[in-house]
Amino acid sequence: FLFVVMMLDINFDKLREGFFKYLWLAAIVGIVMLGE
């Protein structure tokens, strides 16, 4: 995985897009896992 990530030309700006858009869904999944 490290070799693949280092060899690819990743656009970090596109990766950061939509982070806060799906934050609520990630928070719900995390709370459910913590409860389990």
All heavy atoms as atom14 arrays in JSON, in Angstrom:
{
  "sequence": "FLFVVMMLDINFDKLREGFFKYLWLAAIVGIVMLGE",
  "atom14_mask": [
    [1, 1, 1, 1, 1, 1, 1, 1, 1, 1, 1, 0, 0, 0],
    [1, 1, 1, 1, 1, 1, 1, 1, 0, 0, 0, 0, 0, 0],
    [1, 1, 1, 1, 1, 1, 1, 1, 1, 1, 1, 0, 0, 0],
    [1, 1, 1, 1, 1, 1, 1, 0, 0, 0, 0, 0, 0, 0],
    [1, 1, 1, 1, 1, 1, 1, 0, 0, 0, 0, 0, 0, 0],
    [1, 1, 1, 1, 1, 1, 1, 1, 0, 0, 0, 0, 0, 0],
    [1, 1, 1, 1, 1, 1, 1, 1, 0, 0, 0, 0, 0, 0],
    [1, 1, 1, 1, 1, 1, 1, 1, 0, 0, 0, 0, 0, 0],
    [1, 1, 1, 1, 1, 1, 1, 1, 0, 0, 0, 0, 0, 0],
    [1, 1, 1, 1, 1, 1, 1, 1, 0, 0, 0, 0, 0, 0],
    [1, 1, 1, 1, 1, 1, 1, 1, 0, 0, 0, 0, 0, 0],
    [1, 1, 1, 1, 1, 1, 1, 1, 1, 1, 1, 0, 0, 0],
    [1, 1, 1, 1, 1, 1, 1, 1, 0, 0, 0, 0, 0, 0],
    [1, 1, 1, 1, 1, 1, 1, 1, 1, 0, 0, 0, 0, 0],
    [1, 1, 1, 1, 1, 1, 1, 1, 0, 0, 0, 0, 0, 0],
    [1, 1, 1, 1, 1, 1, 1, 1, 1, 1, 1, 0, 0, 0],
    [1, 1, 1, 1, 1, 1, 1, 1, 1, 0, 0, 0, 0, 0],
    [1, 1, 1, 1, 0, 0, 0, 0, 0, 0, 0, 0, 0, 0],
    [1, 1, 1, 1, 1, 1, 1, 1, 1, 1, 1, 0, 0, 0],
    [1, 1, 1, 1, 1, 1, 1, 1, 1, 1, 1, 0, 0, 0],
    [1, 1, 1, 1, 1, 1, 1, 1, 1, 0, 0, 0, 0, 0],
    [1, 1, 1, 1, 1, 1, 1, 1, 1, 1, 1, 1, 0, 0],
    [1, 1, 1, 1, 1, 1, 1, 1, 0, 0, 0, 0, 0, 0],
    [1, 1, 1, 1, 1, 1, 1, 1, 1, 1, 1, 1, 1, 1],
    [1, 1, 1, 1, 1, 1, 1, 1, 0, 0, 0, 0, 0, 0],
    [1, 1, 1, 1, 1, 0, 0, 0, 0, 0, 0, 0, 0, 0],
    [1, 1, 1, 1, 1, 0, 0, 0, 0, 0, 0, 0, 0, 0],
    [1, 1, 1, 1, 1, 1, 1, 1, 0, 0, 0, 0, 0, 0],
    [1, 1, 1, 1, 1, 1, 1, 0, 0, 0, 0, 0, 0, 0],
    [1, 1, 1, 1, 0, 0, 0, 0, 0, 0, 0, 0, 0, 0],
    [1, 1, 1, 1, 1, 1, 1, 1, 0, 0, 0, 0, 0, 0],
    [1, 1, 1, 1, 1, 1, 1, 0, 0, 0, 0, 0, 0, 0],
    [1, 1, 1, 1, 1, 1, 1, 1, 0, 0, 0, 0, 0, 0],
    [1, 1, 1, 1, 1, 1, 1, 1, 0, 0, 0, 0, 0, 0],
    [1, 1, 1, 1, 0, 0, 0, 0, 0, 0, 0, 0, 0, 0],
    [1, 1, 1, 1, 1, 1, 1, 1, 1, 0, 0, 0, 0, 0]
  ],
  "atom14_positions": [
    [[0.83, -1.2, 0.0], [0.0, 0.0, 0.0], [0.86, 1.26, 0.0], [0.57, 2.23, -0.71], [-0.92, -0.02, 1.22], [-1.86, 1.15, 1.29], [-2.98, 1.2, 0.48], [-1.63, 2.21, 2.15], [-3.85, 2.28, 0.53], [-2.48, 3.29, 2.21], [-3.6, 3.32, 1.39], [0.0, 0.0, 0.0], [0.0, 0.0, 0.0], [0.0, 0.0, 0.0]],
    [[1.94, 1.26, 0.76], [2.83, 2.41, 0.79], [3.49, 2.63, -0.57], [3.62, 3.77, -1.03], [3.9, 2.22, 1.87], [3.48, 2.56, 3.31], [4.59, 2.19, 4.28], [3.16, 4.03, 3.43], [0.0, 0.0, 0.0], [0.0, 0.0, 0.0], [0.0, 0.0, 0.0], [0.0, 0.0, 0.0], [0.0, 0.0, 0.0], [0.0, 0.0, 0.0]],
    [[3.93, 1.56, -1.21], [4.53, 1.69, -2.54], [3.54, 2.27, -3.53], [3.88, 3.14, -4.34], [5.05, 0.34, -3.03], [6.45, 0.04, -2.6], [6.71, -0.85, -1.58], [7.53, 0.66, -3.22], [8.01, -1.12, -1.18], [8.82, 0.39, -2.84], [9.07, -0.49, -1.81], [0.0, 0.0, 0.0], [0.0, 0.0, 0.0], [0.0, 0.0, 0.0]],
    [[2.28, 1.81, -3.49], [1.27, 2.31, -4.42], [0.98, 3.78, -4.16], [0.88, 4.59, -5.1], [-0.01, 1.46, -4.3], [-1.14, 2.08, -5.11], [0.24, 0.04, -4.77], [0.0, 0.0, 0.0], [0.0, 0.0, 0.0], [0.0, 0.0, 0.0], [0.0, 0.0, 0.0], [0.0, 0.0, 0.0], [0.0, 0.0, 0.0], [0.0, 0.0, 0.0]],
    [[0.85, 4.16, -2.89], [0.55, 5.56, -2.56], [1.7, 6.47, -2.97], [1.5, 7.57, -3.49], [0.25, 5.69, -1.06], [0.18, 7.15, -0.64], [-1.06, 5.0, -0.73], [0.0, 0.0, 0.0], [0.0, 0.0, 0.0], [0.0, 0.0, 0.0], [0.0, 0.0, 0.0], [0.0, 0.0, 0.0], [0.0, 0.0, 0.0], [0.0, 0.0, 0.0]],
    [[2.95, 6.03, -2.75], [4.09, 6.86, -3.09], [4.29, 6.98, -4.6], [4.79, 8.0, -5.09], [5.36, 6.28, -2.44], [5.39, 6.41, -0.93], [6.9, 5.7, -0.23], [6.62, 5.98, 1.51], [0.0, 0.0, 0.0], [0.0, 0.0, 0.0], [0.0, 0.0, 0.0], [0.0, 0.0, 0.0], [0.0, 0.0, 0.0], [0.0, 0.0, 0.0]],
    [[3.94, 5.96, -5.35], [4.15, 5.99, -6.79], [3.06, 6.75, -7.53], [3.28, 7.24, -8.64], [4.24, 4.56, -7.34], [5.47, 3.79, -6.89], [5.48, 2.09, -7.46], [5.55, 2.32, -9.23], [0.0, 0.0, 0.0], [0.0, 0.0, 0.0], [0.0, 0.0, 0.0], [0.0, 0.0, 0.0], [0.0, 0.0, 0.0], [0.0, 0.0, 0.0]],
    [[1.86, 6.85, -6.94], [0.76, 7.55, -7.6], [0.87, 9.05, -7.36], [1.33, 9.5, -6.32], [-0.59, 7.05, -7.07], [-0.95, 5.6, -7.4], [-2.28, 5.24, -6.78], [-1.0, 5.38, -8.9], [0.0, 0.0, 0.0], [0.0, 0.0, 0.0], [0.0, 0.0, 0.0], [0.0, 0.0, 0.0], [0.0, 0.0, 0.0], [0.0, 0.0, 0.0]],
    [[0.43, 9.81, -8.33], [0.39, 11.27, -8.22], [-0.98, 11.65, -7.66], [-1.94, 11.87, -8.4], [0.63, 11.91, -9.59], [0.79, 13.41, -9.47], [0.92, 13.9, -8.33], [0.78, 14.08, -10.51], [0.0, 0.0, 0.0], [0.0, 0.0, 0.0], [0.0, 0.0, 0.0], [0.0, 0.0, 0.0], [0.0, 0.0, 0.0], [0.0, 0.0, 0.0]],
    [[-1.07, 11.73, -6.34], [-2.34, 11.96, -5.67], [-2.56, 13.46, -5.49], [-1.67, 14.18, -5.04], [-2.39, 11.24, -4.31], [-2.21, 9.73, -4.52], [-3.71, 11.52, -3.6], [-2.14, 8.96, -3.23], [0.0, 0.0, 0.0], [0.0, 0.0, 0.0], [0.0, 0.0, 0.0], [0.0, 0.0, 0.0], [0.0, 0.0, 0.0], [0.0, 0.0, 0.0]],
    [[-3.74, 13.91, -5.84], [-4.12, 15.31, -5.63], [-4.76, 15.41, -4.24], [-5.89, 14.98, -4.02], [-5.1, 15.76, -6.72], [-5.33, 17.25, -6.7], [-4.9, 17.95, -5.77], [-5.98, 17.76, -7.72], [0.0, 0.0, 0.0], [0.0, 0.0, 0.0], [0.0, 0.0, 0.0], [0.0, 0.0, 0.0], [0.0, 0.0, 0.0], [0.0, 0.0, 0.0]],
    [[-4.03, 15.99, -3.3], [-4.51, 16.05, -1.93], [-5.68, 17.02, -1.78], [-6.48, 16.88, -0.86], [-3.37, 16.46, -0.99], [-2.25, 15.46, -0.96], [-1.06, 15.71, -1.63], [-2.38, 14.28, -0.28], [-0.04, 14.79, -1.6], [-1.36, 13.35, -0.24], [-0.18, 13.61, -0.91], [0.0, 0.0, 0.0], [0.0, 0.0, 0.0], [0.0, 0.0, 0.0]],
    [[-5.79, 18.01, -2.65], [-6.9, 18.94, -2.57], [-8.23, 18.24, -2.85], [-9.25, 18.51, -2.19], [-6.7, 20.09, -3.56], [-5.49, 20.93, -3.19], [-5.15, 21.0, -1.99], [-4.87, 21.51, -4.11], [0.0, 0.0, 0.0], [0.0, 0.0, 0.0], [0.0, 0.0, 0.0], [0.0, 0.0, 0.0], [0.0, 0.0, 0.0], [0.0, 0.0, 0.0]],
    [[-8.23, 17.33, -3.83], [-9.46, 16.59, -4.12], [-9.8, 15.61, -3.0], [-10.97, 15.32, -2.76], [-9.31, 15.84, -5.44], [-9.26, 16.76, -6.66], [-9.23, 15.94, -7.95], [-9.23, 16.86, -9.16], [-9.21, 16.1, -10.44], [0.0, 0.0, 0.0], [0.0, 0.0, 0.0], [0.0, 0.0, 0.0], [0.0, 0.0, 0.0], [0.0, 0.0, 0.0]],
    [[-8.77, 15.1, -2.33], [-9.05, 14.19, -1.22], [-9.71, 14.9, -0.05], [-10.52, 14.31, 0.67], [-7.74, 13.53, -0.75], [-7.11, 12.5, -1.69], [-5.8, 12.0, -1.11], [-8.05, 11.34, -1.95], [0.0, 0.0, 0.0], [0.0, 0.0, 0.0], [0.0, 0.0, 0.0], [0.0, 0.0, 0.0], [0.0, 0.0, 0.0], [0.0, 0.0, 0.0]],
    [[-9.36, 16.16, 0.14], [-9.94, 16.91, 1.26], [-11.35, 17.39, 0.97], [-12.08, 17.76, 1.89], [-9.04, 18.11, 1.58], [-7.63, 17.73, 2.02], [-6.88, 18.95, 2.52], [-5.48, 18.62, 2.81], [-4.47, 18.88, 2.0], [-4.7, 19.49, 0.85], [-3.24, 18.55, 2.34], [0.0, 0.0, 0.0], [0.0, 0.0, 0.0], [0.0, 0.0, 0.0]],
    [[-11.73, 17.39, -0.31], [-13.08, 17.82, -0.65], [-14.12, 16.82, -0.15], [-13.97, 15.62, -0.3], [-13.21, 18.0, -2.17], [-12.36, 19.12, -2.73], [-12.5, 19.24, -4.23], [-13.24, 18.4, -4.8], [-11.89, 20.15, -4.82], [0.0, 0.0, 0.0], [0.0, 0.0, 0.0], [0.0, 0.0, 0.0], [0.0, 0.0, 0.0], [0.0, 0.0, 0.0]],
    [[-15.18, 17.33, 0.41], [-16.24, 16.48, 0.91], [-15.98, 15.83, 2.24], [-16.72, 14.94, 2.65], [0.0, 0.0, 0.0], [0.0, 0.0, 0.0], [0.0, 0.0, 0.0], [0.0, 0.0, 0.0], [0.0, 0.0, 0.0], [0.0, 0.0, 0.0], [0.0, 0.0, 0.0], [0.0, 0.0, 0.0], [0.0, 0.0, 0.0], [0.0, 0.0, 0.0]],
    [[-14.9, 16.26, 2.95], [-14.61, 15.65, 4.25], [-15.69, 16.01, 5.27], [-16.22, 15.12, 5.96], [-13.24, 16.12, 4.73], [-12.85, 15.6, 6.09], [-12.38, 14.31, 6.25], [-12.99, 16.39, 7.22], [-12.05, 13.81, 7.49], [-12.66, 15.91, 8.47], [-12.18, 14.62, 8.6], [0.0, 0.0, 0.0], [0.0, 0.0, 0.0], [0.0, 0.0, 0.0]],
    [[-16.04, 17.28, 5.37], [-17.05, 17.7, 6.33], [-18.46, 17.36, 5.86], [-19.39, 17.33, 6.66], [-16.94, 19.21, 6.58], [-15.66, 19.6, 7.26], [-14.6, 20.11, 6.53], [-15.51, 19.45, 8.63], [-13.42, 20.47, 7.14], [-14.34, 19.81, 9.26], [-13.28, 20.32, 8.52], [0.0, 0.0, 0.0], [0.0, 0.0, 0.0], [0.0, 0.0, 0.0]],
    [[-18.59, 17.07, 4.55], [-19.91, 16.72, 4.04], [-20.38, 15.38, 4.59], [-21.58, 15.19, 4.87], [-19.86, 16.68, 2.5], [-21.17, 16.35, 1.84], [-21.02, 16.35, 0.33], [-22.33, 15.99, -0.36], [-22.18, 15.96, -1.84], [0.0, 0.0, 0.0], [0.0, 0.0, 0.0], [0.0, 0.0, 0.0], [0.0, 0.0, 0.0], [0.0, 0.0, 0.0]],
    [[-19.46, 14.44, 4.74], [-19.8, 13.11, 5.24], [-19.35, 12.9, 6.68], [-19.27, 11.76, 7.15], [-19.18, 12.03, 4.35], [-19.61, 12.11, 2.92], [-18.81, 12.71, 1.95], [-20.84, 11.59, 2.52], [-19.21, 12.78, 0.62], [-21.25, 11.66, 1.19], [-20.44, 12.25, 0.25], [-20.84, 12.33, -1.05], [0.0, 0.0, 0.0], [0.0, 0.0, 0.0]],
    [[-19.03, 13.99, 7.37], [-18.57, 13.86, 8.76], [-19.67, 13.34, 9.67], [-19.42, 12.55, 10.58], [-18.05, 15.21, 9.25], [-17.45, 15.23, 10.66], [-16.27, 14.27, 10.75], [-17.03, 16.64, 11.05], [0.0, 0.0, 0.0], [0.0, 0.0, 0.0], [0.0, 0.0, 0.0], [0.0, 0.0, 0.0], [0.0, 0.0, 0.0], [0.0, 0.0, 0.0]],
    [[-20.9, 13.77, 9.43], [-22.0, 13.32, 10.29], [-22.24, 11.82, 10.16], [-22.52, 11.14, 11.16], [-23.27, 14.08, 9.92], [-23.73, 13.83, 8.52], [-23.35, 14.49, 7.39], [-24.65, 12.82, 8.09], [-23.97, 13.98, 6.28], [-24.79, 12.96, 6.67], [-25.38, 11.85, 8.75], [-25.61, 12.13, 5.92], [-26.21, 11.02, 8.01], [-26.31, 11.16, 6.61]],
    [[-22.11, 11.3, 8.94], [-22.28, 9.86, 8.75], [-21.16, 9.08, 9.43], [-21.41, 8.04, 10.07], [-22.31, 9.54, 7.25], [-22.48, 8.07, 6.86], [-23.8, 7.52, 7.41], [-22.42, 7.91, 5.35], [0.0, 0.0, 0.0], [0.0, 0.0, 0.0], [0.0, 0.0, 0.0], [0.0, 0.0, 0.0], [0.0, 0.0, 0.0], [0.0, 0.0, 0.0]],
    [[-19.93, 9.58, 9.31], [-18.81, 8.91, 9.99], [-18.98, 8.96, 11.5], [-18.65, 8.0, 12.21], [-17.5, 9.58, 9.58], [0.0, 0.0, 0.0], [0.0, 0.0, 0.0], [0.0, 0.0, 0.0], [0.0, 0.0, 0.0], [0.0, 0.0, 0.0], [0.0, 0.0, 0.0], [0.0, 0.0, 0.0], [0.0, 0.0, 0.0], [0.0, 0.0, 0.0]],
    [[-19.51, 10.07, 12.02], [-19.73, 10.18, 13.47], [-20.77, 9.17, 13.95], [-20.62, 8.55, 15.0], [-20.15, 11.6, 13.82], [0.0, 0.0, 0.0], [0.0, 0.0, 0.0], [0.0, 0.0, 0.0], [0.0, 0.0, 0.0], [0.0, 0.0, 0.0], [0.0, 0.0, 0.0], [0.0, 0.0, 0.0], [0.0, 0.0, 0.0], [0.0, 0.0, 0.0]],
    [[-21.84, 9.0, 13.17], [-22.87, 8.02, 13.55], [-22.3, 6.6, 13.56], [-22.54, 5.82, 14.49], [-24.07, 8.13, 12.58], [-24.77, 9.48, 12.77], [-25.05, 6.98, 12.83], [-25.9, 9.7, 11.78], [0.0, 0.0, 0.0], [0.0, 0.0, 0.0], [0.0, 0.0, 0.0], [0.0, 0.0, 0.0], [0.0, 0.0, 0.0], [0.0, 0.0, 0.0]],
    [[-21.55, 6.26, 12.51], [-20.94, 4.92, 12.45], [-19.97, 4.72, 13.61], [-19.93, 3.65, 14.24], [-20.24, 4.72, 11.09], [-19.49, 3.4, 11.06], [-21.26, 4.76, 9.96], [0.0, 0.0, 0.0], [0.0, 0.0, 0.0], [0.0, 0.0, 0.0], [0.0, 0.0, 0.0], [0.0, 0.0, 0.0], [0.0, 0.0, 0.0], [0.0, 0.0, 0.0]],
    [[-19.17, 5.73, 13.92], [-18.23, 5.62, 15.04], [-18.93, 5.45, 16.37], [-18.5, 4.66, 17.22], [0.0, 0.0, 0.0], [0.0, 0.0, 0.0], [0.0, 0.0, 0.0], [0.0, 0.0, 0.0], [0.0, 0.0, 0.0], [0.0, 0.0, 0.0], [0.0, 0.0, 0.0], [0.0, 0.0, 0.0], [0.0, 0.0, 0.0], [0.0, 0.0, 0.0]],
    [[-20.05, 6.17, 16.58], [-20.79, 6.04, 17.84], [-21.41, 4.65, 17.96], [-21.41, 4.04, 19.04], [-21.86, 7.14, 17.92], [-21.2, 8.52, 18.08], [-22.8, 6.89, 19.09], [-22.18, 9.67, 18.0], [0.0, 0.0, 0.0], [0.0, 0.0, 0.0], [0.0, 0.0, 0.0], [0.0, 0.0, 0.0], [0.0, 0.0, 0.0], [0.0, 0.0, 0.0]],
    [[-21.92, 4.13, 16.85], [-22.49, 2.78, 16.88], [-21.41, 1.74, 17.2], [-21.62, 0.82, 18.03], [-23.17, 2.46, 15.53], [-23.58, 1.0, 15.46], [-24.38, 3.36, 15.34], [0.0, 0.0, 0.0], [0.0, 0.0, 0.0], [0.0, 0.0, 0.0], [0.0, 0.0, 0.0], [0.0, 0.0, 0.0], [0.0, 0.0, 0.0], [0.0, 0.0, 0.0]],
    [[-20.23, 1.87, 16.59], [-19.15, 0.93, 16.87], [-18.69, 1.05, 18.32], [-18.41, 0.03, 18.98], [-17.99, 1.19, 15.91], [-18.28, 0.87, 14.47], [-16.93, 1.3, 13.35], [-15.63, 0.24, 13.99], [0.0, 0.0, 0.0], [0.0, 0.0, 0.0], [0.0, 0.0, 0.0], [0.0, 0.0, 0.0], [0.0, 0.0, 0.0], [0.0, 0.0, 0.0]],
    [[-18.61, 2.28, 18.83], [-18.22, 2.46, 20.23], [-19.24, 1.84, 21.17], [-18.88, 1.2, 22.17], [-18.06, 3.96, 20.52], [-17.63, 4.33, 21.95], [-16.27, 3.73, 22.27], [-17.6, 5.84, 22.11], [0.0, 0.0, 0.0], [0.0, 0.0, 0.0], [0.0, 0.0, 0.0], [0.0, 0.0, 0.0], [0.0, 0.0, 0.0], [0.0, 0.0, 0.0]],
    [[-20.53, 1.99, 20.84], [-21.56, 1.38, 21.67], [-21.47, -0.14, 21.66], [-21.68, -0.79, 22.7], [0.0, 0.0, 0.0], [0.0, 0.0, 0.0], [0.0, 0.0, 0.0], [0.0, 0.0, 0.0], [0.0, 0.0, 0.0], [0.0, 0.0, 0.0], [0.0, 0.0, 0.0], [0.0, 0.0, 0.0], [0.0, 0.0, 0.0], [0.0, 0.0, 0.0]],
    [[-21.16, -0.72, 20.5], [-21.02, -2.18, 20.43], [-19.85, -2.67, 21.28], [-19.95, -3.69, 21.98], [-20.85, -2.61, 18.98], [-22.09, -2.41, 18.12], [-21.85, -2.76, 16.68], [-20.67, -3.02, 16.33], [-22.83, -2.78, 15.9], [0.0, 0.0, 0.0], [0.0, 0.0, 0.0], [0.0, 0.0, 0.0], [0.0, 0.0, 0.0], [0.0, 0.0, 0.0]]
  ]
}
